[in-house]
Amino acid sequence: MNNKKNILIINDDKTFCKLFKEKLNEYGIEVDSVYEGYSGIQAYSKNKYDLVFLDFYLNSRIQEFKLLAELKRLDGSIPIIMLTVKLDSELEQNCLSLGALDYFHIPFNWADMESLLKKYSII
């Protein structure tokens, strides 16, 4: 029985994705990274993920709120955690009201990310 967790990262910062993926791989987590919103929709449509990390300030042809809504339309149960460089309580509330599970600030302390992953039973 395969208990490996699968995570999708939708973030236009390739360096961040590479480093985040390497760290998650240390926990035995499979990670796919895409750098644009429509690529995220395509990846999600083709694969089963246990969690999605979505960069709010994504340089994409699709606006972030629309991307979040489309991912939730594809699967309302998918846990999506928004990643952002800005601390903005209104933005956070908007994301949560659209179905995001959580909102996480970049840069982050790895211990905080580890706690988040444990909270959602990823590790």
N, C-alpha and C. Protein backbone atom coordinates (compact mmCIF):
# COMPACT_ATOMS: atom_id res chain seq x y z
N MET A 1 0.84 -1.18 0.00
CA MET A 1 0.00 0.00 0.00
C MET A 1 0.89 1.25 0.00
N ASN A 2 0.61 2.17 -0.87
CA ASN A 2 1.43 3.37 -1.01
C ASN A 2 0.83 4.49 -0.16
N ASN A 3 1.55 4.91 0.86
CA ASN A 3 1.08 5.99 1.73
C ASN A 3 1.80 7.30 1.45
N LYS A 4 2.55 7.36 0.34
CA LYS A 4 3.25 8.59 0.03
C LYS A 4 2.26 9.71 -0.22
N LYS A 5 2.58 10.86 0.31
CA LYS A 5 1.77 12.04 0.09
C LYS A 5 2.26 12.75 -1.16
N ASN A 6 1.33 13.37 -1.86
CA ASN A 6 1.64 14.11 -3.09
C ASN A 6 1.20 15.55 -2.92
N ILE A 7 2.12 16.45 -3.23
CA ILE A 7 1.86 17.87 -3.09
C ILE A 7 2.12 18.57 -4.42
N LEU A 8 1.26 19.52 -4.73
CA LEU A 8 1.44 20.38 -5.89
C LEU A 8 1.79 21.77 -5.40
N ILE A 9 2.87 22.32 -5.94
CA ILE A 9 3.26 23.70 -5.64
C ILE A 9 3.02 24.52 -6.91
N ILE A 10 2.22 25.57 -6.78
CA ILE A 10 1.99 26.50 -7.89
C ILE A 10 2.62 27.82 -7.46
N ASN A 11 3.80 28.09 -8.02
CA ASN A 11 4.58 29.25 -7.60
C ASN A 11 5.52 29.61 -8.73
N ASP A 12 5.58 30.88 -9.10
CA ASP A 12 6.43 31.29 -10.21
C ASP A 12 7.90 31.46 -9.84
N ASP A 13 8.26 31.29 -8.59
CA ASP A 13 9.64 31.40 -8.14
C ASP A 13 10.28 30.01 -8.20
N LYS A 14 11.01 29.76 -9.27
CA LYS A 14 11.59 28.44 -9.51
C LYS A 14 12.59 28.04 -8.43
N THR A 15 13.33 29.00 -7.90
CA THR A 15 14.28 28.69 -6.84
C THR A 15 13.55 28.25 -5.57
N PHE A 16 12.50 28.97 -5.21
CA PHE A 16 11.69 28.58 -4.06
C PHE A 16 11.15 27.17 -4.25
N CYS A 17 10.60 26.90 -5.42
CA CYS A 17 10.03 25.57 -5.70
C CYS A 17 11.08 24.48 -5.56
N LYS A 18 12.25 24.72 -6.10
CA LYS A 18 13.32 23.72 -6.03
C LYS A 18 13.71 23.43 -4.59
N LEU A 19 13.93 24.47 -3.81
CA LEU A 19 14.34 24.29 -2.41
C LEU A 19 13.23 23.67 -1.57
N PHE A 20 12.01 24.11 -1.78
CA PHE A 20 10.86 23.59 -1.04
C PHE A 20 10.66 22.11 -1.39
N LYS A 21 10.77 21.79 -2.67
CA LYS A 21 10.63 20.41 -3.11
C LYS A 21 11.70 19.52 -2.49
N GLU A 22 12.95 19.97 -2.48
CA GLU A 22 14.04 19.18 -1.89
C GLU A 22 13.77 18.90 -0.41
N LYS A 23 13.29 19.90 0.30
CA LYS A 23 13.01 19.72 1.73
C LYS A 23 11.85 18.76 1.93
N LEU A 24 10.79 18.90 1.15
CA LEU A 24 9.64 18.00 1.27
C LEU A 24 10.01 16.57 0.89
N ASN A 25 10.89 16.41 -0.10
CA ASN A 25 11.34 15.08 -0.50
C ASN A 25 12.05 14.36 0.64
N GLU A 26 12.69 15.11 1.54
CA GLU A 26 13.35 14.50 2.70
C GLU A 26 12.35 13.76 3.59
N TYR A 27 11.09 14.13 3.51
CA TYR A 27 10.03 13.48 4.29
C TYR A 27 9.32 12.39 3.48
N GLY A 28 9.84 12.11 2.30
CA GLY A 28 9.21 11.10 1.45
C GLY A 28 8.00 11.60 0.72
N ILE A 29 7.84 12.89 0.62
CA ILE A 29 6.70 13.50 -0.05
C ILE A 29 7.03 13.70 -1.53
N GLU A 30 6.12 13.26 -2.38
CA GLU A 30 6.25 13.50 -3.81
C GLU A 30 5.76 14.92 -4.11
N VAL A 31 6.50 15.64 -4.93
CA VAL A 31 6.16 17.04 -5.18
C VAL A 31 6.23 17.34 -6.68
N ASP A 32 5.17 17.97 -7.17
CA ASP A 32 5.17 18.52 -8.52
C ASP A 32 5.14 20.03 -8.37
N SER A 33 5.93 20.70 -9.19
CA SER A 33 5.96 22.16 -9.18
C SER A 33 5.58 22.67 -10.56
N VAL A 34 4.71 23.66 -10.57
CA VAL A 34 4.39 24.36 -11.80
C VAL A 34 4.52 25.86 -11.52
N TYR A 35 4.76 26.62 -12.57
CA TYR A 35 5.14 28.01 -12.39
C TYR A 35 4.10 29.01 -12.91
N GLU A 36 2.94 28.48 -13.31
CA GLU A 36 1.91 29.33 -13.91
C GLU A 36 0.55 28.72 -13.59
N GLY A 37 -0.46 29.55 -13.46
CA GLY A 37 -1.77 29.12 -13.02
C GLY A 37 -2.43 28.06 -13.88
N TYR A 38 -2.45 28.26 -15.20
CA TYR A 38 -3.09 27.28 -16.07
C TYR A 38 -2.36 25.94 -16.01
N SER A 39 -1.05 25.98 -15.84
CA SER A 39 -0.29 24.73 -15.67
C SER A 39 -0.70 24.04 -14.38
N GLY A 40 -1.03 24.82 -13.37
CA GLY A 40 -1.51 24.25 -12.11
C GLY A 40 -2.84 23.55 -12.28
N ILE A 41 -3.74 24.16 -13.05
CA ILE A 41 -5.04 23.54 -13.32
C ILE A 41 -4.85 22.24 -14.09
N GLN A 42 -3.97 22.26 -15.09
CA GLN A 42 -3.71 21.05 -15.88
C GLN A 42 -3.11 19.95 -15.01
N ALA A 43 -2.13 20.29 -14.19
CA ALA A 43 -1.50 19.29 -13.32
C ALA A 43 -2.53 18.72 -12.36
N TYR A 44 -3.35 19.58 -11.79
CA TYR A 44 -4.35 19.11 -10.83
C TYR A 44 -5.41 18.24 -11.51
N SER A 45 -5.75 18.56 -12.74
CA SER A 45 -6.74 17.78 -13.47
C SER A 45 -6.25 16.37 -13.77
N LYS A 46 -4.93 16.20 -13.89
CA LYS A 46 -4.36 14.91 -14.29
C LYS A 46 -3.90 14.05 -13.12
N ASN A 47 -3.71 14.64 -11.94
CA ASN A 47 -3.11 13.93 -10.82
C ASN A 47 -3.93 14.11 -9.56
N LYS A 48 -3.71 13.21 -8.62
CA LYS A 48 -4.35 13.31 -7.30
C LYS A 48 -3.32 13.88 -6.33
N TYR A 49 -3.67 14.98 -5.68
CA TYR A 49 -2.77 15.60 -4.70
C TYR A 49 -3.43 15.61 -3.33
N ASP A 50 -2.59 15.48 -2.33
CA ASP A 50 -3.06 15.55 -0.95
C ASP A 50 -3.12 16.99 -0.45
N LEU A 51 -2.39 17.87 -1.12
CA LEU A 51 -2.30 19.26 -0.69
C LEU A 51 -1.77 20.09 -1.84
N VAL A 52 -2.25 21.32 -1.94
CA VAL A 52 -1.75 22.28 -2.94
C VAL A 52 -1.26 23.52 -2.20
N PHE A 53 -0.06 23.95 -2.54
CA PHE A 53 0.45 25.25 -2.10
C PHE A 53 0.32 26.19 -3.28
N LEU A 54 -0.41 27.28 -3.08
CA LEU A 54 -0.67 28.25 -4.16
C LEU A 54 -0.12 29.61 -3.77
N ASP A 55 0.79 30.11 -4.57
CA ASP A 55 1.36 31.44 -4.38
C ASP A 55 0.31 32.47 -4.74
N PHE A 56 -0.01 33.36 -3.82
CA PHE A 56 -1.03 34.35 -4.13
C PHE A 56 -0.57 35.34 -5.18
N TYR A 57 0.66 35.79 -5.09
CA TYR A 57 1.15 36.79 -6.05
C TYR A 57 1.86 36.10 -7.19
N LEU A 58 1.14 35.27 -7.87
CA LEU A 58 1.64 34.46 -8.97
C LEU A 58 1.64 35.30 -10.25
N ASN A 59 2.74 35.27 -10.96
CA ASN A 59 2.82 35.94 -12.25
C ASN A 59 2.18 34.99 -13.25
N SER A 60 0.89 35.18 -13.49
CA SER A 60 0.12 34.21 -14.26
C SER A 60 -0.90 34.91 -15.14
N ARG A 61 -1.34 34.18 -16.16
CA ARG A 61 -2.39 34.71 -17.03
C ARG A 61 -3.76 34.63 -16.37
N ILE A 62 -3.87 33.88 -15.29
CA ILE A 62 -5.14 33.75 -14.58
C ILE A 62 -5.00 34.39 -13.20
N GLN A 63 -5.95 35.20 -12.84
CA GLN A 63 -5.92 35.91 -11.56
C GLN A 63 -6.03 34.89 -10.41
N GLU A 64 -5.35 35.16 -9.31
CA GLU A 64 -5.21 34.21 -8.21
C GLU A 64 -6.55 33.77 -7.62
N PHE A 65 -7.49 34.69 -7.41
CA PHE A 65 -8.79 34.31 -6.87
C PHE A 65 -9.52 33.37 -7.83
N LYS A 66 -9.40 33.63 -9.14
CA LYS A 66 -10.02 32.75 -10.14
C LYS A 66 -9.35 31.38 -10.14
N LEU A 67 -8.05 31.36 -9.98
CA LEU A 67 -7.32 30.10 -9.93
C LEU A 67 -7.74 29.29 -8.71
N LEU A 68 -7.82 29.92 -7.57
CA LEU A 68 -8.28 29.25 -6.35
C LEU A 68 -9.69 28.69 -6.56
N ALA A 69 -10.58 29.50 -7.12
CA ALA A 69 -11.96 29.07 -7.35
C ALA A 69 -12.01 27.89 -8.33
N GLU A 70 -11.18 27.92 -9.36
CA GLU A 70 -11.18 26.84 -10.35
C GLU A 70 -10.66 25.53 -9.75
N LEU A 71 -9.62 25.61 -8.94
CA LEU A 71 -9.12 24.40 -8.27
C LEU A 71 -10.18 23.83 -7.34
N LYS A 72 -10.88 24.69 -6.62
CA LYS A 72 -11.94 24.22 -5.72
C LYS A 72 -13.13 23.65 -6.53
N ARG A 73 -13.37 24.20 -7.70
CA ARG A 73 -14.44 23.68 -8.56
C ARG A 73 -14.09 22.25 -9.02
N LEU A 74 -12.82 22.03 -9.35
CA LEU A 74 -12.39 20.70 -9.78
C LEU A 74 -12.52 19.67 -8.67
N ASP A 75 -12.23 20.11 -7.45
CA ASP A 75 -12.34 19.21 -6.29
C ASP A 75 -12.50 20.06 -5.04
N GLY A 76 -13.72 20.17 -4.57
CA GLY A 76 -14.02 21.01 -3.42
C GLY A 76 -13.34 20.57 -2.14
N SER A 77 -12.87 19.32 -2.11
CA SER A 77 -12.25 18.82 -0.88
C SER A 77 -10.74 19.02 -0.83
N ILE A 78 -10.15 19.45 -1.93
CA ILE A 78 -8.68 19.59 -1.95
C ILE A 78 -8.23 20.68 -0.99
N PRO A 79 -7.30 20.34 -0.10
CA PRO A 79 -6.77 21.38 0.79
C PRO A 79 -5.78 22.27 0.03
N ILE A 80 -6.05 23.55 0.04
CA ILE A 80 -5.19 24.52 -0.62
C ILE A 80 -4.68 25.50 0.44
N ILE A 81 -3.37 25.64 0.48
CA ILE A 81 -2.75 26.59 1.39
C ILE A 81 -2.14 27.70 0.56
N MET A 82 -2.57 28.92 0.83
CA MET A 82 -2.06 30.08 0.11
C MET A 82 -0.70 30.48 0.68
N LEU A 83 0.22 30.80 -0.21
CA LEU A 83 1.53 31.31 0.18
C LEU A 83 1.60 32.77 -0.27
N THR A 84 2.11 33.62 0.60
CA THR A 84 2.20 35.03 0.22
C THR A 84 3.35 35.72 0.95
N VAL A 85 3.88 36.75 0.32
CA VAL A 85 4.93 37.55 0.95
C VAL A 85 4.35 38.70 1.74
N LYS A 86 3.04 38.95 1.59
CA LYS A 86 2.40 40.06 2.29
C LYS A 86 1.55 39.57 3.44
N LEU A 87 1.63 40.29 4.55
CA LEU A 87 0.72 40.05 5.66
C LEU A 87 -0.45 40.99 5.48
N ASP A 88 -1.60 40.44 5.12
CA ASP A 88 -2.77 41.25 4.80
C ASP A 88 -4.00 40.49 5.28
N SER A 89 -4.59 40.94 6.38
CA SER A 89 -5.71 40.20 6.98
C SER A 89 -6.93 40.16 6.06
N GLU A 90 -7.17 41.22 5.29
CA GLU A 90 -8.31 41.21 4.36
C GLU A 90 -8.09 40.18 3.25
N LEU A 91 -6.88 40.15 2.70
CA LEU A 91 -6.55 39.17 1.68
C LEU A 91 -6.69 37.75 2.24
N GLU A 92 -6.19 37.56 3.44
CA GLU A 92 -6.28 36.25 4.09
C GLU A 92 -7.75 35.82 4.22
N GLN A 93 -8.60 36.71 4.69
CA GLN A 93 -10.02 36.39 4.85
C GLN A 93 -10.68 36.09 3.51
N ASN A 94 -10.31 36.84 2.47
CA ASN A 94 -10.87 36.58 1.14
C ASN A 94 -10.48 35.19 0.65
N CYS A 95 -9.22 34.82 0.84
CA CYS A 95 -8.75 33.49 0.42
C CYS A 95 -9.48 32.39 1.18
N LEU A 96 -9.60 32.57 2.49
CA LEU A 96 -10.28 31.56 3.31
C LEU A 96 -11.76 31.45 2.94
N SER A 97 -12.38 32.58 2.63
CA SER A 97 -13.80 32.54 2.26
C SER A 97 -14.01 31.86 0.90
N LEU A 98 -12.99 31.86 0.06
CA LEU A 98 -13.08 31.20 -1.24
C LEU A 98 -12.69 29.73 -1.17
N GLY A 99 -12.33 29.27 0.01
CA GLY A 99 -12.06 27.84 0.15
C GLY A 99 -10.64 27.45 0.48
N ALA A 100 -9.74 28.42 0.59
CA ALA A 100 -8.38 28.06 1.00
C ALA A 100 -8.43 27.52 2.43
N LEU A 101 -7.62 26.54 2.70
CA LEU A 101 -7.60 25.92 4.02
C LEU A 101 -6.80 26.76 5.01
N ASP A 102 -5.74 27.38 4.50
CA ASP A 102 -4.85 28.14 5.36
C ASP A 102 -4.10 29.16 4.52
N TYR A 103 -3.37 30.00 5.20
CA TYR A 103 -2.67 31.14 4.60
C TYR A 103 -1.31 31.18 5.29
N PHE A 104 -0.22 31.11 4.52
CA PHE A 104 1.10 30.98 5.12
C PHE A 104 2.03 32.04 4.52
N HIS A 105 2.77 32.69 5.39
CA HIS A 105 3.64 33.79 4.98
C HIS A 105 5.02 33.29 4.55
N ILE A 106 5.52 33.83 3.44
CA ILE A 106 6.88 33.58 2.96
C ILE A 106 7.70 34.84 3.22
N PRO A 107 8.91 34.80 3.67
CA PRO A 107 9.68 33.60 4.03
C PRO A 107 9.18 33.03 5.34
N PHE A 108 9.45 31.75 5.54
CA PHE A 108 8.98 31.09 6.75
C PHE A 108 10.10 30.32 7.44
N ASN A 109 9.88 30.08 8.69
CA ASN A 109 10.75 29.24 9.48
C ASN A 109 10.32 27.80 9.20
N TRP A 110 11.29 26.91 8.94
CA TRP A 110 10.93 25.55 8.58
C TRP A 110 10.14 24.85 9.69
N ALA A 111 10.43 25.16 10.94
CA ALA A 111 9.70 24.54 12.06
C ALA A 111 8.21 24.89 11.96
N ASP A 112 7.89 26.10 11.52
CA ASP A 112 6.48 26.49 11.35
C ASP A 112 5.83 25.71 10.20
N MET A 113 6.58 25.53 9.12
CA MET A 113 6.05 24.76 7.99
C MET A 113 5.86 23.30 8.40
N GLU A 114 6.81 22.78 9.14
CA GLU A 114 6.69 21.40 9.62
C GLU A 114 5.43 21.23 10.48
N SER A 115 5.18 22.19 11.34
CA SER A 115 3.96 22.16 12.16
C SER A 115 2.70 22.18 11.30
N LEU A 116 2.72 23.00 10.26
CA LEU A 116 1.58 23.08 9.34
C LEU A 116 1.37 21.74 8.64
N LEU A 117 2.43 21.12 8.18
CA LEU A 117 2.33 19.83 7.50
C LEU A 117 1.82 18.75 8.45
N LYS A 118 2.23 18.80 9.69
CA LYS A 118 1.72 17.85 10.68
C LYS A 118 0.25 18.12 10.97
N LYS A 119 -0.11 19.38 11.07
CA LYS A 119 -1.50 19.77 11.34
C LYS A 119 -2.46 19.16 10.31
N TYR A 120 -2.02 19.09 9.05
CA TYR A 120 -2.85 18.58 7.98
C TYR A 120 -2.48 17.14 7.57
N SER A 121 -1.77 16.45 8.48
CA SER A 121 -1.45 15.01 8.33
C SER A 121 -0.66 14.69 7.06
N ILE A 122 0.20 15.60 6.67
CA ILE A 122 1.06 15.36 5.51
C ILE A 122 2.33 14.63 5.95
N ILE A 123 2.83 14.98 7.14
CA ILE A 123 3.98 14.27 7.71
C ILE A 123 3.60 13.75 9.09
